[in-house]
Amino acid sequence: LTLITVGKYLETKSKGKTSAAITKLMDLSPKTAIVLR
């Protein structure tokens, strides 16, 4: 059970790097915009 859990942990951690990259990309986008009525 420990070996299998470690394998799943490593796989999740690897995917977490991609999630961090997506978060950084999303941070580039401004949260608000000034619209002229």
PDB file of all heavy atoms in Angstrom:
ATOM      1  N   LEU A   1       0.830  -1.217   0.000  1.00  0.00           N
ATOM      2  CA  LEU A   1       0.000   0.000   0.000  1.00  0.00           C
ATOM      3  C   LEU A   1       0.861   1.263   0.000  1.00  0.00           C
ATOM      4  O   LEU A   1       0.526   2.259  -0.651  1.00  0.00           O
ATOM      5  CB  LEU A   1      -0.929  -0.012   1.220  1.00  0.00           C
ATOM      6  CG  LEU A   1      -2.042  -1.063   1.200  1.00  0.00           C
ATOM      7  CD1 LEU A   1      -2.777  -1.088   2.533  1.00  0.00           C
ATOM      8  CD2 LEU A   1      -3.027  -0.773   0.074  1.00  0.00           C
ATOM      9  N   THR A   2       1.977   1.210   0.743  1.00  0.00           N
ATOM     10  CA  THR A   2       2.878   2.361   0.792  1.00  0.00           C
ATOM     11  C   THR A   2       3.482   2.652  -0.582  1.00  0.00           C
ATOM     12  O   THR A   2       3.531   3.801  -1.035  1.00  0.00           O
ATOM     13  CB  THR A   2       4.010   2.125   1.809  1.00  0.00           C
ATOM     14  OG1 THR A   2       3.435   1.926   3.099  1.00  0.00           O
ATOM     15  CG2 THR A   2       4.955   3.325   1.864  1.00  0.00           C
ATOM     16  N   LEU A   3       3.943   1.603  -1.263  1.00  0.00           N
ATOM     17  CA  LEU A   3       4.551   1.769  -2.587  1.00  0.00           C
ATOM     18  C   LEU A   3       3.560   2.364  -3.583  1.00  0.00           C
ATOM     19  O   LEU A   3       3.885   3.272  -4.347  1.00  0.00           O
ATOM     20  CB  LEU A   3       5.074   0.425  -3.104  1.00  0.00           C
ATOM     21  CG  LEU A   3       6.328  -0.126  -2.403  1.00  0.00           C
ATOM     22  CD1 LEU A   3       6.619  -1.536  -2.872  1.00  0.00           C
ATOM     23  CD2 LEU A   3       7.526   0.768  -2.666  1.00  0.00           C
ATOM     24  N   ILE A   4       2.326   1.834  -3.564  1.00  0.00           N
ATOM     25  CA  ILE A   4       1.314   2.338  -4.493  1.00  0.00           C
ATOM     26  C   ILE A   4       0.972   3.798  -4.181  1.00  0.00           C
ATOM     27  O   ILE A   4       0.845   4.637  -5.077  1.00  0.00           O
ATOM     28  CB  ILE A   4       0.042   1.466  -4.418  1.00  0.00           C
ATOM     29  CG1 ILE A   4       0.350   0.055  -4.968  1.00  0.00           C
ATOM     30  CG2 ILE A   4      -1.103   2.091  -5.216  1.00  0.00           C
ATOM     31  CD1 ILE A   4      -0.756  -0.940  -4.787  1.00  0.00           C
ATOM     32  N   THR A   5       0.857   4.119  -2.894  1.00  0.00           N
ATOM     33  CA  THR A   5       0.532   5.497  -2.483  1.00  0.00           C
ATOM     34  C   THR A   5       1.643   6.461  -2.889  1.00  0.00           C
ATOM     35  O   THR A   5       1.375   7.578  -3.344  1.00  0.00           O
ATOM     36  CB  THR A   5       0.313   5.571  -0.961  1.00  0.00           C
ATOM     37  OG1 THR A   5      -0.697   4.634  -0.591  1.00  0.00           O
ATOM     38  CG2 THR A   5      -0.119   6.973  -0.547  1.00  0.00           C
ATOM     39  N   VAL A   6       2.908   6.040  -2.714  1.00  0.00           N
ATOM     40  CA  VAL A   6       4.037   6.881  -3.111  1.00  0.00           C
ATOM     41  C   VAL A   6       3.998   7.158  -4.612  1.00  0.00           C
ATOM     42  O   VAL A   6       4.226   8.289  -5.066  1.00  0.00           O
ATOM     43  CB  VAL A   6       5.383   6.233  -2.716  1.00  0.00           C
ATOM     44  CG1 VAL A   6       6.551   6.960  -3.379  1.00  0.00           C
ATOM     45  CG2 VAL A   6       5.558   6.251  -1.213  1.00  0.00           C
ATOM     46  N   GLY A   7       3.684   6.134  -5.390  1.00  0.00           N
ATOM     47  CA  GLY A   7       3.583   6.311  -6.834  1.00  0.00           C
ATOM     48  C   GLY A   7       2.522   7.316  -7.225  1.00  0.00           C
ATOM     49  O   GLY A   7       2.738   8.189  -8.069  1.00  0.00           O
ATOM     50  N   LYS A   8       1.346   7.213  -6.577  1.00  0.00           N
ATOM     51  CA  LYS A   8       0.272   8.172  -6.852  1.00  0.00           C
ATOM     52  C   LYS A   8       0.656   9.586  -6.417  1.00  0.00           C
ATOM     53  O   LYS A   8       0.319  10.570  -7.070  1.00  0.00           O
ATOM     54  CB  LYS A   8      -1.009   7.726  -6.122  1.00  0.00           C
ATOM     55  CG  LYS A   8      -1.638   6.466  -6.690  1.00  0.00           C
ATOM     56  CD  LYS A   8      -2.112   6.683  -8.116  1.00  0.00           C
ATOM     57  CE  LYS A   8      -2.759   5.436  -8.683  1.00  0.00           C
ATOM     58  NZ  LYS A   8      -3.161   5.639 -10.105  1.00  0.00           N
ATOM     59  N   TYR A   9       1.380   9.681  -5.298  1.00  0.00           N
ATOM     60  CA  TYR A   9       1.832  10.993  -4.803  1.00  0.00           C
ATOM     61  C   TYR A   9       2.777  11.657  -5.799  1.00  0.00           C
ATOM     62  O   TYR A   9       2.647  12.843  -6.112  1.00  0.00           O
ATOM     63  CB  TYR A   9       2.529  10.828  -3.450  1.00  0.00           C
ATOM     64  CG  TYR A   9       3.326  12.040  -3.024  1.00  0.00           C
ATOM     65  CD1 TYR A   9       2.708  13.207  -2.580  1.00  0.00           C
ATOM     66  CD2 TYR A   9       4.728  12.029  -3.087  1.00  0.00           C
ATOM     67  CE1 TYR A   9       3.443  14.317  -2.206  1.00  0.00           C
ATOM     68  CE2 TYR A   9       5.468  13.129  -2.718  1.00  0.00           C
ATOM     69  CZ  TYR A   9       4.825  14.279  -2.282  1.00  0.00           C
ATOM     70  OH  TYR A   9       5.557  15.373  -1.922  1.00  0.00           O
ATOM     71  N   LEU A  10       3.732  10.866  -6.322  1.00  0.00           N
ATOM     72  CA  LEU A  10       4.694  11.411  -7.279  1.00  0.00           C
ATOM     73  C   LEU A  10       3.989  11.864  -8.555  1.00  0.00           C
ATOM     74  O   LEU A  10       4.316  12.903  -9.131  1.00  0.00           O
ATOM     75  CB  LEU A  10       5.766  10.367  -7.612  1.00  0.00           C
ATOM     76  CG  LEU A  10       6.711   9.987  -6.464  1.00  0.00           C
ATOM     77  CD1 LEU A  10       7.633   8.848  -6.901  1.00  0.00           C
ATOM     78  CD2 LEU A  10       7.533  11.179  -6.014  1.00  0.00           C
ATOM     79  N   GLU A  11       2.996  11.100  -8.989  1.00  0.00           N
ATOM     80  CA  GLU A  11       2.258  11.453 -10.200  1.00  0.00           C
ATOM     81  C   GLU A  11       1.471  12.747  -9.981  1.00  0.00           C
ATOM     82  O   GLU A  11       1.444  13.635 -10.833  1.00  0.00           O
ATOM     83  CB  GLU A  11       1.309  10.310 -10.566  1.00  0.00           C
ATOM     84  CG  GLU A  11       0.635  10.490 -11.919  1.00  0.00           C
ATOM     85  CD  GLU A  11      -0.185   9.286 -12.328  1.00  0.00           C
ATOM     86  OE1 GLU A  11      -0.309   8.344 -11.527  1.00  0.00           O
ATOM     87  OE2 GLU A  11      -0.704   9.282 -13.447  1.00  0.00           O
ATOM     88  N   THR A  12       0.839  12.868  -8.805  1.00  0.00           N
ATOM     89  CA  THR A  12       0.070  14.077  -8.487  1.00  0.00           C
ATOM     90  C   THR A  12       0.971  15.293  -8.387  1.00  0.00           C
ATOM     91  O   THR A  12       0.623  16.391  -8.837  1.00  0.00           O
ATOM     92  CB  THR A  12      -0.683  13.892  -7.151  1.00  0.00           C
ATOM     93  OG1 THR A  12      -1.510  12.734  -7.247  1.00  0.00           O
ATOM     94  CG2 THR A  12      -1.546  15.106  -6.840  1.00  0.00           C
ATOM     95  N   LYS A  13       2.182  15.104  -7.789  1.00  0.00           N
ATOM     96  CA  LYS A  13       3.124  16.207  -7.652  1.00  0.00           C
ATOM     97  C   LYS A  13       3.583  16.695  -9.020  1.00  0.00           C
ATOM     98  O   LYS A  13       3.740  17.894  -9.244  1.00  0.00           O
ATOM     99  CB  LYS A  13       4.326  15.762  -6.817  1.00  0.00           C
ATOM    100  CG  LYS A  13       5.261  16.903  -6.446  1.00  0.00           C
ATOM    101  CD  LYS A  13       6.369  16.427  -5.517  1.00  0.00           C
ATOM    102  CE  LYS A  13       7.307  17.586  -5.156  1.00  0.00           C
ATOM    103  NZ  LYS A  13       8.410  17.150  -4.279  1.00  0.00           N
ATOM    104  N   SER A  14       3.810  15.766  -9.930  1.00  0.00           N
ATOM    105  CA  SER A  14       4.220  16.125 -11.284  1.00  0.00           C
ATOM    106  C   SER A  14       3.136  16.958 -11.965  1.00  0.00           C
ATOM    107  O   SER A  14       3.418  17.962 -12.616  1.00  0.00           O
ATOM    108  CB  SER A  14       4.510  14.863 -12.101  1.00  0.00           C
ATOM    109  OG  SER A  14       4.895  15.192 -13.406  1.00  0.00           O
ATOM    110  N   LYS A  15       1.860  16.561 -11.786  1.00  0.00           N
ATOM    111  CA  LYS A  15       0.753  17.323 -12.372  1.00  0.00           C
ATOM    112  C   LYS A  15       0.604  18.679 -11.679  1.00  0.00           C
ATOM    113  O   LYS A  15       0.146  19.639 -12.276  1.00  0.00           O
ATOM    114  CB  LYS A  15      -0.542  16.525 -12.253  1.00  0.00           C
ATOM    115  CG  LYS A  15      -0.594  15.323 -13.192  1.00  0.00           C
ATOM    116  CD  LYS A  15      -1.909  14.578 -13.067  1.00  0.00           C
ATOM    117  CE  LYS A  15      -1.955  13.401 -14.046  1.00  0.00           C
ATOM    118  NZ  LYS A  15      -3.207  12.631 -13.916  1.00  0.00           N
ATOM    119  N   GLY A  16       1.008  18.740 -10.401  1.00  0.00           N
ATOM    120  CA  GLY A  16       0.917  19.989  -9.654  1.00  0.00           C
ATOM    121  C   GLY A  16       1.788  21.076 -10.244  1.00  0.00           C
ATOM    122  O   GLY A  16       1.468  22.262 -10.149  1.00  0.00           O
ATOM    123  N   LYS A  17       2.907  20.690 -10.861  1.00  0.00           N
ATOM    124  CA  LYS A  17       3.795  21.673 -11.505  1.00  0.00           C
ATOM    125  C   LYS A  17       3.062  22.360 -12.655  1.00  0.00           C
ATOM    126  O   LYS A  17       3.196  23.555 -12.868  1.00  0.00           O
ATOM    127  CB  LYS A  17       5.062  20.991 -12.025  1.00  0.00           C
ATOM    128  CG  LYS A  17       5.999  20.534 -10.919  1.00  0.00           C
ATOM    129  CD  LYS A  17       7.271  19.973 -11.520  1.00  0.00           C
ATOM    130  CE  LYS A  17       8.270  19.609 -10.430  1.00  0.00           C
ATOM    131  NZ  LYS A  17       9.523  19.077 -10.983  1.00  0.00           N
ATOM    132  N   THR A  18       2.274  21.554 -13.390  1.00  0.00           N
ATOM    133  CA  THR A  18       1.498  22.131 -14.484  1.00  0.00           C
ATOM    134  C   THR A  18       0.450  23.084 -13.942  1.00  0.00           C
ATOM    135  O   THR A  18       0.210  24.158 -14.493  1.00  0.00           O
ATOM    136  CB  THR A  18       0.815  21.007 -15.296  1.00  0.00           C
ATOM    137  OG1 THR A  18       1.814  20.109 -15.782  1.00  0.00           O
ATOM    138  CG2 THR A  18       0.051  21.561 -16.475  1.00  0.00           C
ATOM    139  N   SER A  19      -0.192  22.698 -12.827  1.00  0.00           N
ATOM    140  CA  SER A  19      -1.211  23.556 -12.220  1.00  0.00           C
ATOM    141  C   SER A  19      -0.600  24.893 -11.787  1.00  0.00           C
ATOM    142  O   SER A  19      -1.225  25.944 -11.932  1.00  0.00           O
ATOM    143  CB  SER A  19      -1.837  22.857 -11.011  1.00  0.00           C
ATOM    144  OG  SER A  19      -2.445  21.655 -11.391  1.00  0.00           O
ATOM    145  N   ALA A  20       0.636  24.840 -11.255  1.00  0.00           N
ATOM    146  CA  ALA A  20       1.314  26.077 -10.836  1.00  0.00           C
ATOM    147  C   ALA A  20       1.580  26.969 -12.042  1.00  0.00           C
ATOM    148  O   ALA A  20       1.446  28.190 -11.967  1.00  0.00           O
ATOM    149  CB  ALA A  20       2.620  25.736 -10.130  1.00  0.00           C
ATOM    150  N   ALA A  21       1.959  26.348 -13.167  1.00  0.00           N
ATOM    151  CA  ALA A  21       2.211  27.125 -14.386  1.00  0.00           C
ATOM    152  C   ALA A  21       0.928  27.795 -14.864  1.00  0.00           C
ATOM    153  O   ALA A  21       0.932  28.950 -15.299  1.00  0.00           O
ATOM    154  CB  ALA A  21       2.771  26.209 -15.480  1.00  0.00           C
ATOM    155  N   ILE A  22      -0.208  27.080 -14.767  1.00  0.00           N
ATOM    156  CA  ILE A  22      -1.499  27.643 -15.181  1.00  0.00           C
ATOM    157  C   ILE A  22      -1.874  28.813 -14.271  1.00  0.00           C
ATOM    158  O   ILE A  22      -2.371  29.839 -14.723  1.00  0.00           O
ATOM    159  CB  ILE A  22      -2.588  26.552 -15.151  1.00  0.00           C
ATOM    160  CG1 ILE A  22      -2.292  25.492 -16.229  1.00  0.00           C
ATOM    161  CG2 ILE A  22      -3.969  27.148 -15.385  1.00  0.00           C
ATOM    162  CD1 ILE A  22      -3.171  24.270 -16.145  1.00  0.00           C
ATOM    163  N   THR A  23      -1.623  28.639 -12.961  1.00  0.00           N
ATOM    164  CA  THR A  23      -1.936  29.707 -12.003  1.00  0.00           C
ATOM    165  C   THR A  23      -1.157  30.971 -12.330  1.00  0.00           C
ATOM    166  O   THR A  23      -1.691  32.093 -12.283  1.00  0.00           O
ATOM    167  CB  THR A  23      -1.621  29.252 -10.566  1.00  0.00           C
ATOM    168  OG1 THR A  23      -2.372  28.078 -10.273  1.00  0.00           O
ATOM    169  CG2 THR A  23      -1.972  30.332  -9.561  1.00  0.00           C
ATOM    170  N   LYS A  24       0.124  30.824 -12.672  1.00  0.00           N
ATOM    171  CA  LYS A  24       0.954  31.980 -13.013  1.00  0.00           C
ATOM    172  C   LYS A  24       0.420  32.666 -14.272  1.00  0.00           C
ATOM    173  O   LYS A  24       0.424  33.893 -14.378  1.00  0.00           O
ATOM    174  CB  LYS A  24       2.403  31.553 -13.219  1.00  0.00           C
ATOM    175  CG  LYS A  24       3.127  31.211 -11.917  1.00  0.00           C
ATOM    176  CD  LYS A  24       4.574  30.824 -12.175  1.00  0.00           C
ATOM    177  CE  LYS A  24       5.292  30.496 -10.868  1.00  0.00           C
ATOM    178  NZ  LYS A  24       6.694  30.086 -11.093  1.00  0.00           N
ATOM    179  N   LEU A  25      -0.026  31.863 -15.230  1.00  0.00           N
ATOM    180  CA  LEU A  25      -0.586  32.438 -16.451  1.00  0.00           C
ATOM    181  C   LEU A  25      -1.867  33.215 -16.147  1.00  0.00           C
ATOM    182  O   LEU A  25      -2.087  34.311 -16.670  1.00  0.00           O
ATOM    183  CB  LEU A  25      -0.890  31.325 -17.466  1.00  0.00           C
ATOM    184  CG  LEU A  25       0.289  30.778 -18.264  1.00  0.00           C
ATOM    185  CD1 LEU A  25      -0.141  29.574 -19.081  1.00  0.00           C
ATOM    186  CD2 LEU A  25       0.869  31.844 -19.183  1.00  0.00           C
ATOM    187  N   MET A  26      -2.701  32.645 -15.284  1.00  0.00           N
ATOM    188  CA  MET A  26      -3.962  33.305 -14.937  1.00  0.00           C
ATOM    189  C   MET A  26      -3.708  34.611 -14.191  1.00  0.00           C
ATOM    190  O   MET A  26      -4.484  35.566 -14.299  1.00  0.00           O
ATOM    191  CB  MET A  26      -4.830  32.368 -14.104  1.00  0.00           C
ATOM    192  CG  MET A  26      -5.318  31.152 -14.878  1.00  0.00           C
ATOM    193  SD  MET A  26      -6.305  30.013 -13.891  1.00  0.00           S
ATOM    194  CE  MET A  26      -7.798  30.960 -13.674  1.00  0.00           C
ATOM    195  N   ASP A  27      -2.614  34.665 -13.433  1.00  0.00           N
ATOM    196  CA  ASP A  27      -2.267  35.887 -12.699  1.00  0.00           C
ATOM    197  C   ASP A  27      -1.903  37.032 -13.634  1.00  0.00           C
ATOM    198  O   ASP A  27      -1.913  38.198 -13.240  1.00  0.00           O
ATOM    199  CB  ASP A  27      -1.109  35.624 -11.729  1.00  0.00           C
ATOM    200  CG  ASP A  27      -1.546  34.782 -10.541  1.00  0.00           C
ATOM    201  OD1 ASP A  27      -2.771  34.702 -10.297  1.00  0.00           O
ATOM    202  OD2 ASP A  27      -0.673  34.190  -9.876  1.00  0.00           O
ATOM    203  N   LEU A  28      -1.533  36.697 -14.884  1.00  0.00           N
ATOM    204  CA  LEU A  28      -1.193  37.734 -15.858  1.00  0.00           C
ATOM    205  C   LEU A  28      -2.416  38.550 -16.250  1.00  0.00           C
ATOM    206  O   LEU A  28      -2.311  39.707 -16.638  1.00  0.00           O
ATOM    207  CB  LEU A  28      -0.577  37.108 -17.117  1.00  0.00           C
ATOM    208  CG  LEU A  28       0.817  36.490 -16.997  1.00  0.00           C
ATOM    209  CD1 LEU A  28       1.189  35.810 -18.302  1.00  0.00           C
ATOM    210  CD2 LEU A  28       1.851  37.539 -16.649  1.00  0.00           C
ATOM    211  N   SER A  29      -3.587  37.926 -16.179  1.00  0.00           N
ATOM    212  CA  SER A  29      -4.799  38.592 -16.631  1.00  0.00           C
ATOM    213  C   SER A  29      -5.301  39.583 -15.584  1.00  0.00           C
ATOM    214  O   SER A  29      -5.379  39.262 -14.401  1.00  0.00           O
ATOM    215  CB  SER A  29      -5.887  37.548 -16.908  1.00  0.00           C
ATOM    216  OG  SER A  29      -7.074  38.179 -17.317  1.00  0.00           O
ATOM    217  N   PRO A  30      -5.636  40.820 -16.003  1.00  0.00           N
ATOM    218  CA  PRO A  30      -6.159  41.802 -15.043  1.00  0.00           C
ATOM    219  C   PRO A  30      -7.524  41.364 -14.523  1.00  0.00           C
ATOM    220  O   PRO A  30      -8.315  40.748 -15.243  1.00  0.00           O
ATOM    221  CB  PRO A  30      -6.260  43.082 -15.879  1.00  0.00           C
ATOM    222  CG  PRO A  30      -6.365  42.615 -17.289  1.00  0.00           C
ATOM    223  CD  PRO A  30      -5.570  41.352 -17.373  1.00  0.00           C
ATOM    224  N   LYS A  31      -7.797  41.685 -13.276  1.00  0.00           N
ATOM    225  CA  LYS A  31      -9.053  41.253 -12.652  1.00  0.00           C
ATOM    226  C   LYS A  31     -10.213  42.179 -13.016  1.00  0.00           C
ATOM    227  O   LYS A  31     -11.368  41.770 -12.978  1.00  0.00           O
ATOM    228  CB  LYS A  31      -8.890  41.208 -11.129  1.00  0.00           C
ATOM    229  CG  LYS A  31      -7.762  40.291 -10.660  1.00  0.00           C
ATOM    230  CD  LYS A  31      -8.005  38.854 -11.072  1.00  0.00           C
ATOM    231  CE  LYS A  31      -6.909  37.922 -10.555  1.00  0.00           C
ATOM    232  NZ  LYS A  31      -5.645  38.048 -11.292  1.00  0.00           N
ATOM    233  N   THR A  32      -9.913  43.446 -13.346  1.00  0.00           N
ATOM    234  CA  THR A  32     -10.976  44.401 -13.660  1.00  0.00           C
ATOM    235  C   THR A  32     -10.674  45.157 -14.950  1.00  0.00           C
ATOM    236  O   THR A  32      -9.526  45.177 -15.414  1.00  0.00           O
ATOM    237  CB  THR A  32     -11.159  45.429 -12.520  1.00  0.00           C
ATOM    238  OG1 THR A  32      -9.928  46.144 -12.323  1.00  0.00           O
ATOM    239  CG2 THR A  32     -11.564  44.736 -11.222  1.00  0.00           C
ATOM    240  N   ALA A  33     -11.711  45.765 -15.504  1.00  0.00           N
ATOM    241  CA  ALA A  33     -11.570  46.576 -16.718  1.00  0.00           C
ATOM    242  C   ALA A  33     -12.414  47.839 -16.555  1.00  0.00           C
ATOM    243  O   ALA A  33     -13.451  47.827 -15.884  1.00  0.00           O
ATOM    244  CB  ALA A  33     -12.031  45.783 -17.936  1.00  0.00           C
ATOM    245  N   ILE A  34     -11.948  48.942 -17.158  1.00  0.00           N
ATOM    246  CA  ILE A  34     -12.688  50.212 -17.124  1.00  0.00           C
ATOM    247  C   ILE A  34     -13.470  50.337 -18.430  1.00  0.00           C
ATOM    248  O   ILE A  34     -12.889  50.508 -19.505  1.00  0.00           O
ATOM    249  CB  ILE A  34     -11.744  51.410 -16.949  1.00  0.00           C
ATOM    250  CG1 ILE A  34     -10.954  51.277 -15.645  1.00  0.00           C
ATOM    251  CG2 ILE A  34     -12.523  52.714 -16.970  1.00  0.00           C
ATOM    252  CD1 ILE A  34      -9.887  52.337 -15.463  1.00  0.00           C
ATOM    253  N   VAL A  35     -14.785  50.202 -18.336  1.00  0.00           N
ATOM    254  CA  VAL A  35     -15.652  50.250 -19.520  1.00  0.00           C
ATOM    255  C   VAL A  35     -16.316  51.633 -19.612  1.00  0.00           C
ATOM    256  O   VAL A  35     -16.786  52.178 -18.607  1.00  0.00           O
ATOM    257  CB  VAL A  35     -16.727  49.145 -19.443  1.00  0.00           C
ATOM    258  CG1 VAL A  35     -17.690  49.252 -20.626  1.00  0.00           C
ATOM    259  CG2 VAL A  35     -16.072  47.774 -19.433  1.00  0.00           C
ATOM    260  N   LEU A  36     -16.327  52.187 -20.821  1.00  0.00           N
ATOM    261  CA  LEU A  36     -16.964  53.488 -21.064  1.00  0.00           C
ATOM    262  C   LEU A  36     -18.412  53.277 -21.495  1.00  0.00           C
ATOM    263  O   LEU A  36     -18.675  52.575 -22.478  1.00  0.00           O
ATOM    264  CB  LEU A  36     -16.200  54.260 -22.148  1.00  0.00           C
ATOM    265  CG  LEU A  36     -14.721  54.569 -21.845  1.00  0.00           C
ATOM    266  CD1 LEU A  36     -14.091  55.269 -23.037  1.00  0.00           C
ATOM    267  CD2 LEU A  36     -14.607  55.436 -20.604  1.00  0.00           C
ATOM    268  N   ARG A  37     -19.349  53.853 -20.740  1.00  0.00           N
ATOM    269  CA  ARG A  37     -20.764  53.710 -21.057  1.00  0.00           C
ATOM    270  C   ARG A  37     -21.196  54.771 -22.070  1.00  0.00           C
ATOM    271  O   ARG A  37     -20.468  55.724 -22.357  1.00  0.00           O
ATOM    272  CB  ARG A  37     -21.596  53.814 -19.779  1.00  0.00           C
ATOM    273  CG  ARG A  37     -21.287  52.710 -18.764  1.00  0.00           C
ATOM    274  CD  ARG A  37     -21.415  51.331 -19.379  1.00  0.00           C
ATOM    275  NE  ARG A  37     -21.169  50.257 -18.402  1.00  0.00           N
ATOM    276  CZ  ARG A  37     -21.067  48.974 -18.724  1.00  0.00           C
ATOM    277  NH1 ARG A  37     -21.171  48.616 -20.005  1.00  0.00           N
ATOM    278  NH2 ARG A  37     -20.852  48.072 -17.798  1.00  0.00           N
TER     279      ARG A  37
END
